[in-house]
Amino acid sequence: MLIVSGVQTCWAQSRPTEDCALPDTGFATMPGQKVQIAKVAKQAAVQLEVCGSPKGCVEAPVALGTPVEIYRRQGGWTCGYISGHDGAGPAWIRSEALSVLPYDGNPSLRAWLGTWTGGEDRVRIRAGSVAGTVRLEGSAMWSGKYTAHFGDTKGSASPEGNHLHFVENGPDSCSIEMTLLGRYIIASDNQACGGLNARFQGIWKRANTELTSPRPPVKQ
């Protein structure tokens, strides 16, 4: 859930009149699904509660450069998944503050490589030993007031276009859906990758340009 501080305010009728929620398909993106990602290009605010709700309306600032996965628009507002320093989740943001980012729908294998981070997730993707594959190693953590839960995974997979369906071992093991959108990856797991609330989910940003060449398989 997006966690930001805000102030109570009175909104005009032109503001959104319904909650911003995840699409029926959930957070994960699938092969061939049309996805739009944007960044906050100028000072913006989000609406966390719609007018007329018991809590009224709340407006809070969003930092420049914050990535947003766009779901839909209403008037001058955009409903999307916002991933910031204080948390992540669906919320309304003023459309004029967003700059939609272009991306390659059929990127090269090298475009996947590097270290990607988002929240408590840290995932390293390297070239696999088999042509056309990548090797993924990741860790996730959820921190509570008195405890922390951890998750980790590793294995290989083959991208299809800008989508990667990763399965660690078998059908009941950790699996992650990843969609590469330029400098970002949208990820969602099957909740089988670690302890309670330790998820490989969110908008990941490239931490470096750690490009490596595939290693030839070891001869037996």
C-alpha atoms as a PDB file:
ATOM      1  CA  MET A   1       0.000   0.000   0.000  1.00  0.00           C
ATOM      2  CA  LEU A   2       1.317   3.454  -0.871  1.00  0.00           C
ATOM      3  CA  ILE A   3       2.376   5.180   2.338  1.00  0.00           C
ATOM      4  CA  VAL A   4       2.654   8.953   2.126  1.00  0.00           C
ATOM      5  CA  SER A   5       1.680  11.854   4.336  1.00  0.00           C
ATOM      6  CA  GLY A   6      -0.839  14.387   3.126  1.00  0.00           C
ATOM      7  CA  VAL A   7      -3.240  17.158   4.053  1.00  0.00           C
ATOM      8  CA  GLN A   8      -7.026  17.185   4.051  1.00  0.00           C
ATOM      9  CA  THR A   9      -8.422  19.232   1.200  1.00  0.00           C
ATOM     10  CA  CYS A  10     -11.658  19.933  -0.621  1.00  0.00           C
ATOM     11  CA  TRP A  11     -11.766  18.687  -4.200  1.00  0.00           C
ATOM     12  CA  ALA A  12     -13.679  20.008  -7.174  1.00  0.00           C
ATOM     13  CA  GLN A  13     -16.098  17.844  -9.130  1.00  0.00           C
ATOM     14  CA  SER A  14     -13.441  17.376 -11.833  1.00  0.00           C
ATOM     15  CA  ARG A  15     -11.433  15.131  -9.483  1.00  0.00           C
ATOM     16  CA  PRO A  16     -11.744  11.318  -9.720  1.00  0.00           C
ATOM     17  CA  THR A  17     -15.017   9.959  -8.398  1.00  0.00           C
ATOM     18  CA  GLU A  18     -13.967   6.342  -7.814  1.00  0.00           C
ATOM     19  CA  ASP A  19     -11.127   4.464  -6.174  1.00  0.00           C
ATOM     20  CA  CYS A  20      -7.987   3.653  -8.135  1.00  0.00           C
ATOM     21  CA  ALA A  21      -7.603  -0.116  -7.887  1.00  0.00           C
ATOM     22  CA  LEU A  22      -5.615  -2.889  -9.534  1.00  0.00           C
ATOM     23  CA  PRO A  23      -7.064  -4.182 -12.832  1.00  0.00           C
ATOM     24  CA  ASP A  24      -9.022  -7.442 -12.813  1.00  0.00           C
ATOM     25  CA  THR A  25      -5.901  -9.165 -14.128  1.00  0.00           C
ATOM     26  CA  GLY A  26      -3.957  -8.066 -11.043  1.00  0.00           C
ATOM     27  CA  PHE A  27      -0.525  -6.486 -10.937  1.00  0.00           C
ATOM     28  CA  ALA A  28       1.261  -9.014 -13.150  1.00  0.00           C
ATOM     29  CA  THR A  29       1.625  -8.353 -16.881  1.00  0.00           C
ATOM     30  CA  MET A  30       1.457 -11.135 -19.444  1.00  0.00           C
ATOM     31  CA  PRO A  31       2.996 -11.696 -22.906  1.00  0.00           C
ATOM     32  CA  GLY A  32       1.425  -9.443 -25.519  1.00  0.00           C
ATOM     33  CA  GLN A  33      -0.346  -7.279 -22.938  1.00  0.00           C
ATOM     34  CA  LYS A  34      -0.227  -3.566 -23.746  1.00  0.00           C
ATOM     35  CA  VAL A  35       1.548  -1.780 -20.920  1.00  0.00           C
ATOM     36  CA  GLN A  36       2.255   1.897 -20.405  1.00  0.00           C
ATOM     37  CA  ILE A  37       4.880   3.157 -17.981  1.00  0.00           C
ATOM     38  CA  ALA A  38       5.601   6.779 -17.181  1.00  0.00           C
ATOM     39  CA  LYS A  39       7.705   8.843 -14.830  1.00  0.00           C
ATOM     40  CA  VAL A  40       6.784  11.904 -12.807  1.00  0.00           C
ATOM     41  CA  ALA A  41       8.304  14.692 -14.912  1.00  0.00           C
ATOM     42  CA  LYS A  42       7.143  17.684 -12.885  1.00  0.00           C
ATOM     43  CA  GLN A  43       5.827  18.415  -9.418  1.00  0.00           C
ATOM     44  CA  ALA A  44       2.748  16.302  -8.797  1.00  0.00           C
ATOM     45  CA  ALA A  45       0.317  15.196  -6.151  1.00  0.00           C
ATOM     46  CA  VAL A  46      -1.707  12.015  -5.716  1.00  0.00           C
ATOM     47  CA  GLN A  47      -5.257  11.525  -4.492  1.00  0.00           C
ATOM     48  CA  LEU A  48      -5.294   8.689  -2.000  1.00  0.00           C
ATOM     49  CA  GLU A  49      -8.973   8.879  -1.029  1.00  0.00           C
ATOM     50  CA  VAL A  50     -11.829   9.891  -3.316  1.00  0.00           C
ATOM     51  CA  CYS A  51     -14.140  12.789  -2.410  1.00  0.00           C
ATOM     52  CA  GLY A  52     -17.233  11.695  -0.559  1.00  0.00           C
ATOM     53  CA  SER A  53     -15.511   8.808   1.235  1.00  0.00           C
ATOM     54  CA  PRO A  54     -15.663   8.769   5.058  1.00  0.00           C
ATOM     55  CA  LYS A  55     -12.064   9.989   5.271  1.00  0.00           C
ATOM     56  CA  GLY A  56     -12.500  12.763   2.726  1.00  0.00           C
ATOM     57  CA  CYS A  57      -9.754  13.543   0.225  1.00  0.00           C
ATOM     58  CA  VAL A  58      -6.020  13.446   0.806  1.00  0.00           C
ATOM     59  CA  GLU A  59      -3.375  15.066  -1.373  1.00  0.00           C
ATOM     60  CA  ALA A  60       0.305  14.180  -1.076  1.00  0.00           C
ATOM     61  CA  PRO A  61       3.442  15.013  -3.092  1.00  0.00           C
ATOM     62  CA  VAL A  62       5.231  12.537  -5.347  1.00  0.00           C
ATOM     63  CA  ALA A  63       8.954  12.907  -6.109  1.00  0.00           C
ATOM     64  CA  LEU A  64      10.278  13.690  -9.570  1.00  0.00           C
ATOM     65  CA  GLY A  65      11.380  10.583 -11.465  1.00  0.00           C
ATOM     66  CA  THR A  66       8.965   8.257  -9.651  1.00  0.00           C
ATOM     67  CA  PRO A  67       7.869   5.419 -12.005  1.00  0.00           C
ATOM     68  CA  VAL A  68       4.150   4.854 -12.594  1.00  0.00           C
ATOM     69  CA  GLU A  69       2.465   1.942 -14.377  1.00  0.00           C
ATOM     70  CA  ILE A  70      -0.629   3.432 -16.027  1.00  0.00           C
ATOM     71  CA  TYR A  71      -4.000   1.655 -15.646  1.00  0.00           C
ATOM     72  CA  ARG A  72      -6.605   4.164 -16.868  1.00  0.00           C
ATOM     73  CA  ARG A  73      -7.470   7.878 -16.992  1.00  0.00           C
ATOM     74  CA  GLN A  74     -10.390   9.963 -15.802  1.00  0.00           C
ATOM     75  CA  GLY A  75     -10.542  13.633 -16.684  1.00  0.00           C
ATOM     76  CA  GLY A  76      -7.190  15.182 -15.903  1.00  0.00           C
ATOM     77  CA  TRP A  77      -6.125  12.321 -13.633  1.00  0.00           C
ATOM     78  CA  THR A  78      -4.369   8.989 -14.218  1.00  0.00           C
ATOM     79  CA  CYS A  79      -4.908   5.857 -12.134  1.00  0.00           C
ATOM     80  CA  GLY A  80      -1.708   3.870 -11.830  1.00  0.00           C
ATOM     81  CA  TYR A  81       0.660   1.842  -9.682  1.00  0.00           C
ATOM     82  CA  ILE A  82       3.108   4.291  -8.107  1.00  0.00           C
ATOM     83  CA  SER A  83       6.432   3.036  -6.756  1.00  0.00           C
ATOM     84  CA  GLY A  84       8.200   5.552  -4.504  1.00  0.00           C
ATOM     85  CA  HIS A  85      10.560   5.787  -1.544  1.00  0.00           C
ATOM     86  CA  ASP A  86       7.713   5.597   0.987  1.00  0.00           C
ATOM     87  CA  GLY A  87       5.961   2.563  -0.465  1.00  0.00           C
ATOM     88  CA  ALA A  88       4.013   1.445  -3.498  1.00  0.00           C
ATOM     89  CA  GLY A  89       0.428   0.936  -4.567  1.00  0.00           C
ATOM     90  CA  PRO A  90      -2.398   2.182  -6.823  1.00  0.00           C
ATOM     91  CA  ALA A  91      -3.395   5.859  -6.624  1.00  0.00           C
ATOM     92  CA  TRP A  92      -4.603   8.750  -8.774  1.00  0.00           C
ATOM     93  CA  ILE A  93      -1.982  11.205 -10.023  1.00  0.00           C
ATOM     94  CA  ARG A  94      -2.392  14.323 -12.148  1.00  0.00           C
ATOM     95  CA  SER A  95      -1.885  13.351 -15.815  1.00  0.00           C
ATOM     96  CA  GLU A  96      -0.067  16.570 -16.708  1.00  0.00           C
ATOM     97  CA  ALA A  97       2.750  15.598 -14.361  1.00  0.00           C
ATOM     98  CA  LEU A  98       3.485  12.336 -16.194  1.00  0.00           C
ATOM     99  CA  SER A  99       5.776  11.659 -19.134  1.00  0.00           C
ATOM    100  CA  VAL A 100       5.064   8.329 -20.861  1.00  0.00           C
ATOM    101  CA  LEU A 101       8.284   6.399 -21.526  1.00  0.00           C
ATOM    102  CA  PRO A 102       8.968   4.527 -24.774  1.00  0.00           C
ATOM    103  CA  TYR A 103      10.356   0.983 -24.690  1.00  0.00           C
ATOM    104  CA  ASP A 104      11.326  -1.824 -27.032  1.00  0.00           C
ATOM    105  CA  GLY A 105       8.752  -4.611 -27.160  1.00  0.00           C
ATOM    106  CA  ASN A 106      11.363  -7.024 -28.519  1.00  0.00           C
ATOM    107  CA  PRO A 107      14.598  -6.159 -26.686  1.00  0.00           C
ATOM    108  CA  SER A 108      17.918  -7.959 -27.048  1.00  0.00           C
ATOM    109  CA  LEU A 109      18.980 -10.468 -24.429  1.00  0.00           C
ATOM    110  CA  ARG A 110      21.594  -7.991 -23.236  1.00  0.00           C
ATOM    111  CA  ALA A 111      18.876  -5.519 -22.272  1.00  0.00           C
ATOM    112  CA  TRP A 112      17.832  -7.841 -19.410  1.00  0.00           C
ATOM    113  CA  LEU A 113      21.285  -8.109 -17.896  1.00  0.00           C
ATOM    114  CA  GLY A 114      22.302  -6.269 -14.739  1.00  0.00           C
ATOM    115  CA  THR A 115      21.166  -5.798 -11.162  1.00  0.00           C
ATOM    116  CA  TRP A 116      17.591  -4.632 -10.598  1.00  0.00           C
ATOM    117  CA  THR A 117      16.199  -3.210  -7.357  1.00  0.00           C
ATOM    118  CA  GLY A 118      12.763  -2.221  -6.094  1.00  0.00           C
ATOM    119  CA  GLY A 119      11.763  -1.823  -2.453  1.00  0.00           C
ATOM    120  CA  GLU A 120      13.474  -4.682  -0.597  1.00  0.00           C
ATOM    121  CA  ASP A 121      13.959  -6.709  -3.804  1.00  0.00           C
ATOM    122  CA  ARG A 122      17.392  -7.151  -5.335  1.00  0.00           C
ATOM    123  CA  VAL A 123      17.663  -9.333  -8.444  1.00  0.00           C
ATOM    124  CA  ARG A 124      20.745 -10.026 -10.541  1.00  0.00           C
ATOM    125  CA  ILE A 125      20.244 -11.200 -14.111  1.00  0.00           C
ATOM    126  CA  ARG A 126      23.216 -12.602 -16.031  1.00  0.00           C
ATOM    127  CA  ALA A 127      23.618 -14.307 -19.368  1.00  0.00           C
ATOM    128  CA  GLY A 128      22.923 -18.035 -19.100  1.00  0.00           C
ATOM    129  CA  SER A 129      25.270 -20.815 -20.123  1.00  0.00           C
ATOM    130  CA  VAL A 130      22.802 -21.836 -22.859  1.00  0.00           C
ATOM    131  CA  ALA A 131      22.212 -19.488 -25.785  1.00  0.00           C
ATOM    132  CA  GLY A 132      19.022 -17.453 -25.432  1.00  0.00           C
ATOM    133  CA  THR A 133      18.740 -17.897 -21.655  1.00  0.00           C
ATOM    134  CA  VAL A 134      19.364 -15.711 -18.631  1.00  0.00           C
ATOM    135  CA  ARG A 135      20.364 -16.690 -15.106  1.00  0.00           C
ATOM    136  CA  LEU A 136      18.423 -15.034 -12.285  1.00  0.00           C
ATOM    137  CA  GLU A 137      19.438 -14.768  -8.604  1.00  0.00           C
ATOM    138  CA  GLY A 138      17.257 -12.720  -6.289  1.00  0.00           C
ATOM    139  CA  SER A 139      16.536 -11.863  -2.687  1.00  0.00           C
ATOM    140  CA  ALA A 140      13.493 -10.224  -1.095  1.00  0.00           C
ATOM    141  CA  MET A 141      12.675  -9.058   2.424  1.00  0.00           C
ATOM    142  CA  TRP A 142       9.649  -7.841   4.320  1.00  0.00           C
ATOM    143  CA  SER A 143      10.300  -5.917   7.546  1.00  0.00           C
ATOM    144  CA  GLY A 144       7.690  -5.797  10.320  1.00  0.00           C
ATOM    145  CA  LYS A 145       7.798  -4.051  13.677  1.00  0.00           C
ATOM    146  CA  TYR A 146       9.349  -6.992  15.496  1.00  0.00           C
ATOM    147  CA  THR A 147      10.376  -9.398  12.760  1.00  0.00           C
ATOM    148  CA  ALA A 148      11.509  -9.762   9.164  1.00  0.00           C
ATOM    149  CA  HIS A 149      10.664 -12.377   6.538  1.00  0.00           C
ATOM    150  CA  PHE A 150      12.997 -13.307   3.706  1.00  0.00           C
ATOM    151  CA  GLY A 151      12.733 -14.813   0.250  1.00  0.00           C
ATOM    152  CA  ASP A 152      15.234 -15.906  -2.344  1.00  0.00           C
ATOM    153  CA  THR A 153      15.282 -17.642  -5.680  1.00  0.00           C
ATOM    154  CA  LYS A 154      17.608 -18.623  -8.499  1.00  0.00           C
ATOM    155  CA  GLY A 155      17.393 -20.380 -11.826  1.00  0.00           C
ATOM    156  CA  SER A 156      17.344 -19.917 -15.592  1.00  0.00           C
ATOM    157  CA  ALA A 157      14.679 -18.905 -18.113  1.00  0.00           C
ATOM    158  CA  SER A 158      14.284 -17.728 -21.713  1.00  0.00           C
ATOM    159  CA  PRO A 159      12.730 -14.315 -22.458  1.00  0.00           C
ATOM    160  CA  GLU A 160       9.949 -14.073 -25.052  1.00  0.00           C
ATOM    161  CA  GLY A 161       9.892 -10.555 -26.444  1.00  0.00           C
ATOM    162  CA  ASN A 162       9.954  -8.264 -23.426  1.00  0.00           C
ATOM    163  CA  HIS A 163       8.404 -10.871 -21.121  1.00  0.00           C
ATOM    164  CA  LEU A 164      10.124 -13.441 -18.916  1.00  0.00           C
ATOM    165  CA  HIS A 165       8.260 -16.291 -17.225  1.00  0.00           C
ATOM    166  CA  PHE A 166      10.600 -17.601 -14.523  1.00  0.00           C
ATOM    167  CA  VAL A 167       9.986 -20.889 -12.673  1.00  0.00           C
ATOM    168  CA  GLU A 168      12.542 -21.975 -10.092  1.00  0.00           C
ATOM    169  CA  ASN A 169      11.907 -25.737 -10.042  1.00  0.00           C
ATOM    170  CA  GLY A 170       8.397 -27.023 -10.732  1.00  0.00           C
ATOM    171  CA  PRO A 171       4.750 -25.904 -10.888  1.00  0.00           C
ATOM    172  CA  ASP A 172       4.507 -25.411  -7.107  1.00  0.00           C
ATOM    173  CA  SER A 173       7.822 -23.607  -6.723  1.00  0.00           C
ATOM    174  CA  CYS A 174       8.612 -19.903  -6.883  1.00  0.00           C
ATOM    175  CA  SER A 175       7.589 -18.316 -10.182  1.00  0.00           C
ATOM    176  CA  ILE A 176       7.882 -14.686 -11.293  1.00  0.00           C
ATOM    177  CA  GLU A 177       6.345 -12.853 -14.240  1.00  0.00           C
ATOM    178  CA  MET A 178       8.607 -10.048 -15.507  1.00  0.00           C
ATOM    179  CA  THR A 179       8.018  -7.452 -18.220  1.00  0.00           C
ATOM    180  CA  LEU A 180      10.972  -5.353 -19.379  1.00  0.00           C
ATOM    181  CA  LEU A 181      10.062  -1.730 -20.097  1.00  0.00           C
ATOM    182  CA  GLY A 182      13.327   0.022 -20.921  1.00  0.00           C
ATOM    183  CA  ARG A 183      15.004   0.997 -17.622  1.00  0.00           C
ATOM    184  CA  TYR A 184      12.301  -0.761 -15.598  1.00  0.00           C
ATOM    185  CA  ILE A 185      10.956  -4.259 -14.969  1.00  0.00           C
ATOM    186  CA  ILE A 186       7.409  -4.852 -13.748  1.00  0.00           C
ATOM    187  CA  ALA A 187       7.434  -8.025 -11.654  1.00  0.00           C
ATOM    188  CA  SER A 188       4.924 -10.169  -9.783  1.00  0.00           C
ATOM    189  CA  ASP A 189       5.386 -13.573  -8.151  1.00  0.00           C
ATOM    190  CA  ASN A 190       3.056 -16.413  -7.146  1.00  0.00           C
ATOM    191  CA  GLN A 191       3.578 -15.871  -3.380  1.00  0.00           C
ATOM    192  CA  ALA A 192       5.706 -19.026  -3.161  1.00  0.00           C
ATOM    193  CA  CYS A 193       9.141 -17.389  -3.102  1.00  0.00           C
ATOM    194  CA  GLY A 194       9.719 -16.938   0.631  1.00  0.00           C
ATOM    195  CA  GLY A 195       8.276 -15.994   4.004  1.00  0.00           C
ATOM    196  CA  LEU A 196       5.025 -14.115   4.638  1.00  0.00           C
ATOM    197  CA  ASN A 197       4.851 -10.841   2.658  1.00  0.00           C
ATOM    198  CA  ALA A 198       8.354 -11.330   1.191  1.00  0.00           C
ATOM    199  CA  ARG A 199       7.448 -10.767  -2.457  1.00  0.00           C
ATOM    200  CA  PHE A 200       9.220 -10.346  -5.784  1.00  0.00           C
ATOM    201  CA  GLN A 201       6.717  -7.731  -6.872  1.00  0.00           C
ATOM    202  CA  GLY A 202       6.735  -4.122  -7.965  1.00  0.00           C
ATOM    203  CA  ILE A 203       8.557  -1.837 -10.351  1.00  0.00           C
ATOM    204  CA  TRP A 204      12.265  -2.603 -10.424  1.00  0.00           C
ATOM    205  CA  LYS A 205      14.863  -0.131 -11.623  1.00  0.00           C
ATOM    206  CA  ARG A 206      18.226  -1.022 -13.109  1.00  0.00           C
ATOM    207  CA  ALA A 207      20.950  -0.478 -10.511  1.00  0.00           C
ATOM    208  CA  ASN A 208      23.860  -0.789 -12.932  1.00  0.00           C
ATOM    209  CA  THR A 209      24.771  -1.881 -16.465  1.00  0.00           C
ATOM    210  CA  GLU A 210      26.360  -5.143 -15.516  1.00  0.00           C
ATOM    211  CA  LEU A 211      26.546  -6.699 -18.979  1.00  0.00           C
ATOM    212  CA  THR A 212      28.289 -10.021 -19.347  1.00  0.00           C
ATOM    213  CA  SER A 213      28.842 -12.413 -22.207  1.00  0.00           C
ATOM    214  CA  PRO A 214      27.446 -15.940 -22.079  1.00  0.00           C
ATOM    215  CA  ARG A 215      29.866 -18.506 -20.702  1.00  0.00           C
ATOM    216  CA  PRO A 216      30.324 -21.627 -22.834  1.00  0.00           C
ATOM    217  CA  PRO A 217      28.936 -24.798 -21.223  1.00  0.00           C
ATOM    218  CA  VAL A 218      31.469 -26.936 -19.394  1.00  0.00           C
ATOM    219  CA  LYS A 219      32.454 -30.008 -21.367  1.00  0.00           C
ATOM    220  CA  GLN A 220      32.026 -33.284 -19.539  1.00  0.00           C
END
